[in-house]
Amino acid sequence: MTPERWAQIEKLFHGVAECGAEERVCLLNEAGSADPELRREVEAMLSCQGSADQHLRAAVGEVAEGLRFPRLGKTVSHYRIVEGLGGGGIGVVYKAQSIKLPRFVALNLLPEAPAQRPQRLERFKRQAHAASSWNHPNICTIHDIDGHEGRPVIAMEHLEGRTLKHCVEDPASDMATYPAK
């Protein structure tokens, strides 16, 4: 391919890549009527661009998820962490699979720095003890409170579905439609 031909392809590609769908079709039709091969080259580049963008977004998403939830794939106590679920004032919550029993749990791990603060550690333990004493269809079951590398861990029932945060943000949703355990 000559440098002149490449410049033609590149100019049309950049021209259509930044415009809307309708304008893109018009520009490609216009270019294609005079030079069908030019149109084919640019369409091939456009299709690769979309695919490359999707792969790049997915790769960046995986890296970001690993930074946000650094324990993905690791084992904590007898649970293998498979997914990050969220975090808050008390800890980071992961979805994990029990190595001993065929079930998924939600693991709440107290972050390293707060584990050094006695008040936060005590609050974490109170949360686990209080929740474990309740038995109600709308409260998840606490399976275990354990430690891992000097950090407390609460293993609780993992429930699929919308979070309370999403229900509060969407007042039209009806909590009563969710089946009790």
N, C-alpha and C. Protein backbone atom coordinates (compact mmCIF):
# COMPACT_ATOMS: atom_id res chain seq x y z
N MET A 1 0.86 -1.17 0.00
CA MET A 1 0.00 0.00 0.00
C MET A 1 0.91 1.24 0.00
N THR A 2 0.55 2.17 -0.82
CA THR A 2 1.36 3.40 -0.93
C THR A 2 1.02 4.35 0.21
N PRO A 3 1.93 5.25 0.56
CA PRO A 3 1.64 6.24 1.59
C PRO A 3 0.45 7.13 1.23
N GLU A 4 0.27 7.39 -0.05
CA GLU A 4 -0.86 8.22 -0.49
C GLU A 4 -2.17 7.50 -0.24
N ARG A 5 -2.18 6.19 -0.54
CA ARG A 5 -3.41 5.40 -0.32
C ARG A 5 -3.72 5.32 1.17
N TRP A 6 -2.69 5.10 1.98
CA TRP A 6 -2.89 5.03 3.42
C TRP A 6 -3.44 6.35 3.95
N ALA A 7 -2.94 7.46 3.45
CA ALA A 7 -3.41 8.79 3.87
C ALA A 7 -4.89 8.95 3.53
N GLN A 8 -5.31 8.44 2.36
CA GLN A 8 -6.73 8.49 1.95
C GLN A 8 -7.60 7.70 2.94
N ILE A 9 -7.16 6.49 3.22
CA ILE A 9 -7.92 5.61 4.13
C ILE A 9 -8.00 6.24 5.52
N GLU A 10 -6.85 6.72 6.00
CA GLU A 10 -6.79 7.31 7.33
C GLU A 10 -7.68 8.55 7.43
N LYS A 11 -7.67 9.38 6.40
CA LYS A 11 -8.49 10.60 6.41
C LYS A 11 -9.98 10.25 6.48
N LEU A 12 -10.42 9.30 5.67
CA LEU A 12 -11.82 8.90 5.69
C LEU A 12 -12.17 8.23 7.02
N PHE A 13 -11.29 7.37 7.51
CA PHE A 13 -11.54 6.68 8.77
C PHE A 13 -11.76 7.68 9.91
N HIS A 14 -10.85 8.63 10.06
CA HIS A 14 -10.98 9.61 11.14
C HIS A 14 -12.20 10.51 10.93
N GLY A 15 -12.53 10.75 9.66
CA GLY A 15 -13.71 11.57 9.38
C GLY A 15 -15.01 10.89 9.78
N VAL A 16 -15.12 9.59 9.52
CA VAL A 16 -16.37 8.89 9.84
C VAL A 16 -16.39 8.35 11.27
N ALA A 17 -15.23 8.13 11.87
CA ALA A 17 -15.19 7.57 13.22
C ALA A 17 -15.77 8.53 14.25
N GLU A 18 -15.70 9.82 13.99
CA GLU A 18 -16.15 10.81 14.96
C GLU A 18 -17.54 11.36 14.68
N CYS A 19 -18.24 10.83 13.70
CA CYS A 19 -19.57 11.36 13.40
C CYS A 19 -20.66 10.36 13.78
N GLY A 20 -21.90 10.81 13.74
CA GLY A 20 -23.04 9.96 14.09
C GLY A 20 -23.28 8.89 13.03
N ALA A 21 -24.16 7.96 13.35
CA ALA A 21 -24.41 6.80 12.48
C ALA A 21 -24.93 7.21 11.10
N GLU A 22 -25.90 8.14 11.07
CA GLU A 22 -26.48 8.55 9.78
C GLU A 22 -25.44 9.24 8.91
N GLU A 23 -24.69 10.16 9.52
CA GLU A 23 -23.67 10.89 8.77
C GLU A 23 -22.58 9.93 8.30
N ARG A 24 -22.27 8.94 9.13
CA ARG A 24 -21.25 7.94 8.77
C ARG A 24 -21.66 7.19 7.52
N VAL A 25 -22.93 6.75 7.46
CA VAL A 25 -23.42 6.01 6.29
C VAL A 25 -23.33 6.87 5.04
N CYS A 26 -23.72 8.14 5.16
CA CYS A 26 -23.66 9.05 4.01
C CYS A 26 -22.23 9.21 3.50
N LEU A 27 -21.30 9.43 4.42
CA LEU A 27 -19.90 9.61 4.02
C LEU A 27 -19.33 8.34 3.38
N LEU A 28 -19.67 7.18 3.97
CA LEU A 28 -19.18 5.92 3.40
C LEU A 28 -19.80 5.65 2.03
N ASN A 29 -21.09 5.95 1.87
CA ASN A 29 -21.74 5.78 0.57
C ASN A 29 -21.10 6.67 -0.48
N GLU A 30 -20.83 7.90 -0.08
CA GLU A 30 -20.21 8.87 -0.98
C GLU A 30 -18.83 8.38 -1.42
N ALA A 31 -18.02 7.96 -0.45
CA ALA A 31 -16.67 7.48 -0.76
C ALA A 31 -16.73 6.17 -1.53
N GLY A 32 -17.67 5.31 -1.19
CA GLY A 32 -17.77 4.00 -1.82
C GLY A 32 -18.23 4.04 -3.25
N SER A 33 -19.02 5.05 -3.62
CA SER A 33 -19.47 5.14 -5.01
C SER A 33 -18.29 5.43 -5.93
N ALA A 34 -17.33 6.20 -5.46
CA ALA A 34 -16.15 6.51 -6.27
C ALA A 34 -15.06 5.46 -6.11
N ASP A 35 -14.98 4.83 -4.93
CA ASP A 35 -13.88 3.90 -4.65
C ASP A 35 -14.36 2.82 -3.66
N PRO A 36 -14.98 1.74 -4.18
CA PRO A 36 -15.52 0.70 -3.30
C PRO A 36 -14.47 0.06 -2.38
N GLU A 37 -13.23 -0.05 -2.86
CA GLU A 37 -12.17 -0.65 -2.03
C GLU A 37 -11.83 0.24 -0.83
N LEU A 38 -11.86 1.56 -1.04
CA LEU A 38 -11.63 2.51 0.05
C LEU A 38 -12.68 2.31 1.13
N ARG A 39 -13.93 2.17 0.71
CA ARG A 39 -15.02 1.96 1.68
C ARG A 39 -14.81 0.67 2.46
N ARG A 40 -14.44 -0.42 1.77
CA ARG A 40 -14.22 -1.70 2.45
C ARG A 40 -13.10 -1.59 3.48
N GLU A 41 -12.00 -0.92 3.12
CA GLU A 41 -10.88 -0.75 4.05
C GLU A 41 -11.32 0.00 5.30
N VAL A 42 -12.06 1.09 5.12
CA VAL A 42 -12.49 1.91 6.26
C VAL A 42 -13.50 1.15 7.11
N GLU A 43 -14.43 0.44 6.48
CA GLU A 43 -15.41 -0.35 7.26
C GLU A 43 -14.71 -1.43 8.07
N ALA A 44 -13.67 -2.05 7.49
CA ALA A 44 -12.92 -3.07 8.23
C ALA A 44 -12.23 -2.43 9.44
N MET A 45 -11.66 -1.25 9.26
CA MET A 45 -11.00 -0.57 10.37
C MET A 45 -12.01 -0.18 11.45
N LEU A 46 -13.20 0.27 11.03
CA LEU A 46 -14.23 0.65 11.99
C LEU A 46 -14.69 -0.55 12.81
N SER A 47 -14.83 -1.69 12.16
CA SER A 47 -15.28 -2.88 12.90
C SER A 47 -14.21 -3.33 13.88
N CYS A 48 -12.95 -3.22 13.51
CA CYS A 48 -11.87 -3.58 14.43
C CYS A 48 -11.79 -2.59 15.59
N GLN A 49 -12.07 -1.31 15.30
CA GLN A 49 -12.02 -0.30 16.36
C GLN A 49 -13.03 -0.62 17.44
N GLY A 50 -14.26 -0.98 17.07
CA GLY A 50 -15.28 -1.31 18.06
C GLY A 50 -14.87 -2.51 18.89
N SER A 51 -14.32 -3.52 18.25
CA SER A 51 -13.88 -4.71 18.96
C SER A 51 -12.72 -4.39 19.89
N ALA A 52 -11.77 -3.61 19.40
CA ALA A 52 -10.62 -3.24 20.23
C ALA A 52 -11.07 -2.42 21.43
N ASP A 53 -12.01 -1.49 21.21
CA ASP A 53 -12.52 -0.68 22.32
C ASP A 53 -13.17 -1.57 23.38
N GLN A 54 -13.95 -2.56 22.94
CA GLN A 54 -14.62 -3.45 23.89
C GLN A 54 -13.58 -4.25 24.68
N HIS A 55 -12.57 -4.77 24.00
CA HIS A 55 -11.54 -5.55 24.69
C HIS A 55 -10.76 -4.69 25.66
N LEU A 56 -10.45 -3.45 25.25
CA LEU A 56 -9.72 -2.55 26.13
C LEU A 56 -10.55 -2.20 27.35
N ARG A 57 -11.84 -1.89 27.14
CA ARG A 57 -12.71 -1.58 28.29
C ARG A 57 -12.79 -2.77 29.24
N ALA A 58 -12.91 -3.98 28.70
CA ALA A 58 -12.99 -5.17 29.55
C ALA A 58 -11.69 -5.36 30.34
N ALA A 59 -10.55 -5.17 29.67
CA ALA A 59 -9.27 -5.34 30.36
C ALA A 59 -9.10 -4.29 31.46
N VAL A 60 -9.44 -3.05 31.15
CA VAL A 60 -9.34 -1.97 32.14
C VAL A 60 -10.28 -2.27 33.30
N GLY A 61 -11.49 -2.77 33.00
CA GLY A 61 -12.46 -3.12 34.04
C GLY A 61 -11.92 -4.19 34.97
N GLU A 62 -11.25 -5.20 34.41
CA GLU A 62 -10.68 -6.26 35.24
C GLU A 62 -9.57 -5.73 36.14
N VAL A 63 -8.73 -4.86 35.60
CA VAL A 63 -7.65 -4.29 36.40
C VAL A 63 -8.24 -3.43 37.52
N ALA A 64 -9.24 -2.61 37.18
CA ALA A 64 -9.88 -1.75 38.19
C ALA A 64 -10.54 -2.59 39.27
N GLU A 65 -11.20 -3.66 38.87
CA GLU A 65 -11.85 -4.55 39.84
C GLU A 65 -10.81 -5.17 40.76
N GLY A 66 -9.66 -5.56 40.21
CA GLY A 66 -8.59 -6.13 41.02
C GLY A 66 -8.02 -5.13 42.01
N LEU A 67 -7.97 -3.85 41.61
CA LEU A 67 -7.48 -2.82 42.52
C LEU A 67 -8.50 -2.52 43.61
N ARG A 68 -9.77 -2.50 43.22
CA ARG A 68 -10.83 -2.20 44.18
C ARG A 68 -11.02 -3.36 45.16
N PHE A 69 -10.90 -4.58 44.67
CA PHE A 69 -11.07 -5.78 45.48
C PHE A 69 -9.81 -6.64 45.32
N PRO A 70 -8.75 -6.31 46.07
CA PRO A 70 -7.45 -6.96 45.83
C PRO A 70 -7.38 -8.43 46.18
N ARG A 71 -8.36 -9.00 46.81
CA ARG A 71 -8.27 -10.40 47.23
C ARG A 71 -8.96 -11.37 46.26
N LEU A 72 -9.40 -10.90 45.10
CA LEU A 72 -10.06 -11.78 44.14
C LEU A 72 -9.17 -12.97 43.81
N GLY A 73 -9.76 -14.18 43.86
CA GLY A 73 -9.02 -15.40 43.55
C GLY A 73 -8.26 -15.99 44.72
N LYS A 74 -8.15 -15.28 45.81
CA LYS A 74 -7.41 -15.76 46.97
C LYS A 74 -8.32 -16.56 47.91
N THR A 75 -7.71 -17.27 48.84
CA THR A 75 -8.46 -18.04 49.83
C THR A 75 -8.34 -17.35 51.18
N VAL A 76 -9.48 -17.15 51.82
CA VAL A 76 -9.55 -16.57 53.15
C VAL A 76 -10.26 -17.59 54.02
N SER A 77 -9.60 -18.03 55.08
CA SER A 77 -10.11 -19.10 55.93
C SER A 77 -10.35 -20.31 55.02
N HIS A 78 -11.57 -20.79 54.92
CA HIS A 78 -11.85 -21.91 54.01
C HIS A 78 -12.82 -21.48 52.90
N TYR A 79 -12.65 -20.22 52.43
CA TYR A 79 -13.48 -19.67 51.36
C TYR A 79 -12.59 -19.13 50.25
N ARG A 80 -12.96 -19.45 49.02
CA ARG A 80 -12.24 -18.93 47.85
C ARG A 80 -13.02 -17.73 47.33
N ILE A 81 -12.39 -16.56 47.27
CA ILE A 81 -13.05 -15.33 46.86
C ILE A 81 -13.22 -15.31 45.35
N VAL A 82 -14.47 -15.08 44.91
CA VAL A 82 -14.76 -15.11 43.48
C VAL A 82 -15.21 -13.76 42.91
N GLU A 83 -15.65 -12.84 43.78
CA GLU A 83 -16.19 -11.59 43.26
C GLU A 83 -16.23 -10.55 44.37
N GLY A 84 -15.98 -9.30 44.01
CA GLY A 84 -16.14 -8.20 44.96
C GLY A 84 -17.57 -7.72 44.92
N LEU A 85 -18.17 -7.51 46.09
CA LEU A 85 -19.56 -7.06 46.15
C LEU A 85 -19.70 -5.60 46.56
N GLY A 86 -18.83 -5.12 47.43
CA GLY A 86 -18.92 -3.73 47.86
C GLY A 86 -18.14 -3.50 49.13
N GLY A 87 -18.23 -2.30 49.61
CA GLY A 87 -17.51 -1.95 50.82
C GLY A 87 -18.18 -0.79 51.50
N GLY A 88 -17.85 -0.61 52.74
CA GLY A 88 -18.45 0.47 53.50
C GLY A 88 -17.60 0.81 54.69
N GLY A 89 -18.24 1.39 55.68
CA GLY A 89 -17.54 1.84 56.87
C GLY A 89 -16.96 0.72 57.69
N ILE A 90 -17.57 -0.45 57.64
CA ILE A 90 -17.10 -1.54 58.49
C ILE A 90 -16.13 -2.47 57.77
N GLY A 91 -16.30 -2.70 56.51
CA GLY A 91 -15.40 -3.62 55.83
C GLY A 91 -15.65 -3.72 54.35
N VAL A 92 -14.95 -4.65 53.73
CA VAL A 92 -15.08 -4.95 52.30
C VAL A 92 -15.79 -6.30 52.21
N VAL A 93 -16.78 -6.38 51.33
CA VAL A 93 -17.59 -7.60 51.21
C VAL A 93 -17.30 -8.27 49.87
N TYR A 94 -17.04 -9.57 49.95
CA TYR A 94 -16.75 -10.40 48.79
C TYR A 94 -17.75 -11.54 48.70
N LYS A 95 -18.01 -12.00 47.49
CA LYS A 95 -18.72 -13.26 47.30
C LYS A 95 -17.63 -14.33 47.27
N ALA A 96 -17.83 -15.39 48.04
CA ALA A 96 -16.83 -16.45 48.12
C ALA A 96 -17.52 -17.81 48.13
N GLN A 97 -16.78 -18.82 47.71
CA GLN A 97 -17.29 -20.18 47.70
C GLN A 97 -16.59 -20.98 48.78
N SER A 98 -17.40 -21.67 49.57
CA SER A 98 -16.85 -22.51 50.63
C SER A 98 -16.08 -23.67 50.01
N ILE A 99 -14.92 -23.96 50.56
CA ILE A 99 -14.14 -25.11 50.11
C ILE A 99 -14.68 -26.38 50.76
N LYS A 100 -15.30 -26.24 51.95
CA LYS A 100 -15.80 -27.39 52.70
C LYS A 100 -17.22 -27.79 52.31
N LEU A 101 -18.08 -26.82 52.04
CA LEU A 101 -19.48 -27.09 51.73
C LEU A 101 -19.83 -26.48 50.37
N PRO A 102 -20.79 -27.07 49.65
CA PRO A 102 -21.13 -26.55 48.33
C PRO A 102 -22.07 -25.33 48.42
N ARG A 103 -21.52 -24.19 48.86
CA ARG A 103 -22.36 -23.00 48.94
C ARG A 103 -21.49 -21.74 48.80
N PHE A 104 -22.18 -20.67 48.39
CA PHE A 104 -21.55 -19.37 48.32
C PHE A 104 -21.90 -18.60 49.59
N VAL A 105 -20.99 -17.75 50.02
CA VAL A 105 -21.21 -16.90 51.18
C VAL A 105 -20.79 -15.48 50.82
N ALA A 106 -21.20 -14.55 51.65
CA ALA A 106 -20.69 -13.19 51.57
C ALA A 106 -19.69 -13.04 52.71
N LEU A 107 -18.47 -12.68 52.39
CA LEU A 107 -17.42 -12.50 53.39
C LEU A 107 -17.24 -11.01 53.64
N ASN A 108 -17.33 -10.62 54.89
CA ASN A 108 -17.08 -9.23 55.28
C ASN A 108 -15.73 -9.21 55.98
N LEU A 109 -14.74 -8.56 55.35
CA LEU A 109 -13.39 -8.47 55.92
C LEU A 109 -13.15 -7.06 56.40
N LEU A 110 -12.69 -6.95 57.62
CA LEU A 110 -12.33 -5.66 58.17
C LEU A 110 -11.03 -5.22 57.52
N PRO A 111 -10.96 -4.00 56.98
CA PRO A 111 -9.71 -3.55 56.36
C PRO A 111 -8.56 -3.56 57.36
N GLU A 112 -7.34 -3.67 56.85
CA GLU A 112 -6.17 -3.80 57.72
C GLU A 112 -6.02 -2.65 58.70
N ALA A 113 -6.07 -1.42 58.22
CA ALA A 113 -5.84 -0.28 59.12
C ALA A 113 -6.89 -0.22 60.24
N PRO A 114 -8.20 -0.35 59.93
CA PRO A 114 -9.18 -0.30 61.02
C PRO A 114 -9.05 -1.45 62.01
N ALA A 115 -8.49 -2.57 61.59
CA ALA A 115 -8.34 -3.70 62.51
C ALA A 115 -7.41 -3.32 63.66
N GLN A 116 -6.57 -2.32 63.44
CA GLN A 116 -5.66 -1.87 64.49
C GLN A 116 -6.37 -0.95 65.49
N ARG A 117 -7.54 -0.44 65.12
CA ARG A 117 -8.29 0.45 66.00
C ARG A 117 -9.28 -0.36 66.83
N PRO A 118 -9.13 -0.40 68.14
CA PRO A 118 -9.97 -1.23 68.99
C PRO A 118 -11.46 -0.91 68.87
N GLN A 119 -11.84 0.35 68.70
CA GLN A 119 -13.27 0.70 68.61
C GLN A 119 -13.89 0.10 67.36
N ARG A 120 -13.18 0.17 66.25
CA ARG A 120 -13.73 -0.36 65.01
C ARG A 120 -13.80 -1.89 65.06
N LEU A 121 -12.81 -2.49 65.65
CA LEU A 121 -12.80 -3.95 65.81
C LEU A 121 -13.98 -4.39 66.68
N GLU A 122 -14.23 -3.67 67.76
CA GLU A 122 -15.34 -3.99 68.65
C GLU A 122 -16.67 -3.81 67.93
N ARG A 123 -16.81 -2.78 67.12
CA ARG A 123 -18.04 -2.55 66.35
C ARG A 123 -18.28 -3.70 65.37
N PHE A 124 -17.20 -4.15 64.74
CA PHE A 124 -17.28 -5.26 63.80
C PHE A 124 -17.78 -6.52 64.49
N LYS A 125 -17.23 -6.81 65.66
CA LYS A 125 -17.65 -8.00 66.42
C LYS A 125 -19.10 -7.88 66.89
N ARG A 126 -19.50 -6.68 67.34
CA ARG A 126 -20.90 -6.47 67.77
C ARG A 126 -21.86 -6.70 66.62
N GLN A 127 -21.49 -6.26 65.43
CA GLN A 127 -22.32 -6.47 64.24
C GLN A 127 -22.52 -7.96 64.01
N ALA A 128 -21.45 -8.72 64.07
CA ALA A 128 -21.54 -10.17 63.84
C ALA A 128 -22.39 -10.85 64.90
N HIS A 129 -22.17 -10.52 66.16
CA HIS A 129 -22.91 -11.16 67.25
C HIS A 129 -24.39 -10.78 67.21
N ALA A 130 -24.68 -9.53 66.95
CA ALA A 130 -26.09 -9.09 66.88
C ALA A 130 -26.80 -9.78 65.73
N ALA A 131 -26.21 -9.78 64.57
CA ALA A 131 -26.85 -10.39 63.40
C ALA A 131 -27.00 -11.90 63.57
N SER A 132 -26.06 -12.54 64.24
CA SER A 132 -26.16 -13.99 64.41
C SER A 132 -27.26 -14.40 65.38
N SER A 133 -27.70 -13.47 66.22
CA SER A 133 -28.75 -13.81 67.18
C SER A 133 -30.16 -13.66 66.59
N TRP A 134 -30.27 -13.09 65.42
CA TRP A 134 -31.58 -12.90 64.80
C TRP A 134 -31.89 -14.04 63.83
N ASN A 135 -33.15 -14.38 63.75
CA ASN A 135 -33.60 -15.38 62.80
C ASN A 135 -34.86 -14.82 62.15
N HIS A 136 -34.70 -14.26 60.98
CA HIS A 136 -35.82 -13.61 60.30
C HIS A 136 -35.63 -13.79 58.79
N PRO A 137 -36.73 -13.98 58.04
CA PRO A 137 -36.60 -14.20 56.59
C PRO A 137 -35.94 -13.04 55.84
N ASN A 138 -35.97 -11.83 56.40
CA ASN A 138 -35.40 -10.68 55.70
C ASN A 138 -34.01 -10.29 56.22
N ILE A 139 -33.40 -11.16 57.00
CA ILE A 139 -32.06 -10.91 57.52
C ILE A 139 -31.20 -12.11 57.16
N CYS A 140 -30.03 -11.85 56.59
CA CYS A 140 -29.17 -12.97 56.19
C CYS A 140 -28.60 -13.67 57.42
N THR A 141 -28.36 -14.93 57.26
CA THR A 141 -27.84 -15.77 58.34
C THR A 141 -26.32 -15.61 58.44
N ILE A 142 -25.83 -15.46 59.67
CA ILE A 142 -24.39 -15.43 59.89
C ILE A 142 -23.93 -16.86 60.07
N HIS A 143 -23.00 -17.31 59.23
CA HIS A 143 -22.49 -18.67 59.31
C HIS A 143 -21.31 -18.79 60.26
N ASP A 144 -20.47 -17.75 60.29
CA ASP A 144 -19.22 -17.91 61.04
C ASP A 144 -18.58 -16.54 61.26
N ILE A 145 -17.85 -16.42 62.34
CA ILE A 145 -16.94 -15.28 62.54
C ILE A 145 -15.59 -15.91 62.77
N ASP A 146 -14.61 -15.45 62.03
CA ASP A 146 -13.31 -16.10 62.03
C ASP A 146 -12.24 -15.02 61.91
N GLY A 147 -11.03 -15.42 61.78
CA GLY A 147 -9.94 -14.51 61.57
C GLY A 147 -9.06 -15.01 60.45
N HIS A 148 -8.43 -14.08 59.77
CA HIS A 148 -7.52 -14.44 58.69
C HIS A 148 -6.41 -13.40 58.65
N GLU A 149 -5.18 -13.86 58.84
CA GLU A 149 -4.01 -12.97 58.84
C GLU A 149 -4.19 -11.83 59.84
N GLY A 150 -4.75 -12.14 60.99
CA GLY A 150 -4.93 -11.13 62.03
C GLY A 150 -6.10 -10.19 61.83
N ARG A 151 -6.93 -10.48 60.85
CA ARG A 151 -8.09 -9.63 60.56
C ARG A 151 -9.37 -10.44 60.76
N PRO A 152 -10.38 -9.85 61.41
CA PRO A 152 -11.64 -10.58 61.58
C PRO A 152 -12.41 -10.69 60.27
N VAL A 153 -13.14 -11.79 60.15
CA VAL A 153 -13.92 -12.08 58.95
C VAL A 153 -15.29 -12.59 59.39
N ILE A 154 -16.34 -12.04 58.80
CA ILE A 154 -17.69 -12.56 59.03
C ILE A 154 -18.12 -13.28 57.75
N ALA A 155 -18.51 -14.55 57.88
CA ALA A 155 -19.06 -15.30 56.75
C ALA A 155 -20.56 -15.36 56.95
N MET A 156 -21.29 -14.83 55.97
CA MET A 156 -22.75 -14.80 56.09
C MET A 156 -23.39 -15.32 54.81
N GLU A 157 -24.65 -15.58 54.92
CA GLU A 157 -25.43 -16.07 53.79
C GLU A 157 -25.31 -15.09 52.62
N HIS A 158 -25.09 -15.63 51.43
CA HIS A 158 -25.05 -14.80 50.22
C HIS A 158 -26.41 -14.85 49.57
N LEU A 159 -27.00 -13.69 49.38
CA LEU A 159 -28.32 -13.61 48.75
C LEU A 159 -28.21 -12.88 47.43
N GLU A 160 -28.80 -13.44 46.38
CA GLU A 160 -28.82 -12.80 45.06
C GLU A 160 -29.94 -11.77 45.04
N GLY A 161 -29.80 -10.79 44.22
CA GLY A 161 -30.88 -9.81 44.05
C GLY A 161 -30.39 -8.40 44.22
N ARG A 162 -31.35 -7.50 44.31
CA ARG A 162 -31.04 -6.09 44.42
C ARG A 162 -30.64 -5.74 45.86
N THR A 163 -29.76 -4.76 45.97
CA THR A 163 -29.34 -4.33 47.29
C THR A 163 -30.36 -3.35 47.85
N LEU A 164 -30.33 -3.15 49.14
CA LEU A 164 -31.19 -2.18 49.79
C LEU A 164 -30.94 -0.79 49.21
N LYS A 165 -29.68 -0.48 48.92
CA LYS A 165 -29.33 0.82 48.33
C LYS A 165 -30.09 1.04 47.02
N HIS A 166 -30.14 0.02 46.16
CA HIS A 166 -30.86 0.16 44.89
C HIS A 166 -32.36 0.30 45.10
N CYS A 167 -32.89 -0.38 46.10
CA CYS A 167 -34.32 -0.28 46.39
C CYS A 167 -34.67 1.12 46.90
N VAL A 168 -33.79 1.69 47.72
CA VAL A 168 -34.03 3.03 48.25
C VAL A 168 -33.92 4.07 47.14
N GLU A 169 -32.94 3.88 46.24
CA GLU A 169 -32.75 4.82 45.13
C GLU A 169 -33.89 4.74 44.13
N ASP A 170 -34.58 3.59 44.07
CA ASP A 170 -35.70 3.41 43.14
C ASP A 170 -36.97 3.19 43.95
N PRO A 171 -37.62 4.30 44.38
CA PRO A 171 -38.78 4.15 45.26
C PRO A 171 -39.94 3.40 44.61
N ALA A 172 -39.96 3.27 43.30
CA ALA A 172 -41.05 2.55 42.63
C ALA A 172 -40.93 1.05 42.83
N SER A 173 -39.73 0.57 43.22
CA SER A 173 -39.57 -0.87 43.43
C SER A 173 -40.33 -1.27 44.69
N ASP A 174 -40.86 -2.47 44.66
CA ASP A 174 -41.67 -2.95 45.78
C ASP A 174 -40.93 -4.09 46.47
N MET A 175 -40.44 -3.83 47.67
CA MET A 175 -39.71 -4.85 48.41
C MET A 175 -40.57 -6.09 48.69
N ALA A 176 -41.88 -5.90 48.75
CA ALA A 176 -42.77 -7.02 49.07
C ALA A 176 -42.79 -8.07 47.98
N THR A 177 -42.33 -7.71 46.77
CA THR A 177 -42.35 -8.68 45.68
C THR A 177 -41.19 -9.67 45.77
N TYR A 178 -40.22 -9.41 46.65
CA TYR A 178 -39.11 -10.33 46.80
C TYR A 178 -39.53 -11.46 47.71
N PRO A 179 -39.32 -12.72 47.26
CA PRO A 179 -39.74 -13.85 48.10
C PRO A 179 -38.88 -13.96 49.35
N ALA A 180 -39.50 -14.30 50.44
CA ALA A 180 -38.77 -14.55 51.69
C ALA A 180 -38.03 -15.86 51.54
N LYS A 181 -37.01 -16.05 52.36
CA LYS A 181 -36.20 -17.29 52.29
C LYS A 181 -37.06 -18.47 52.70
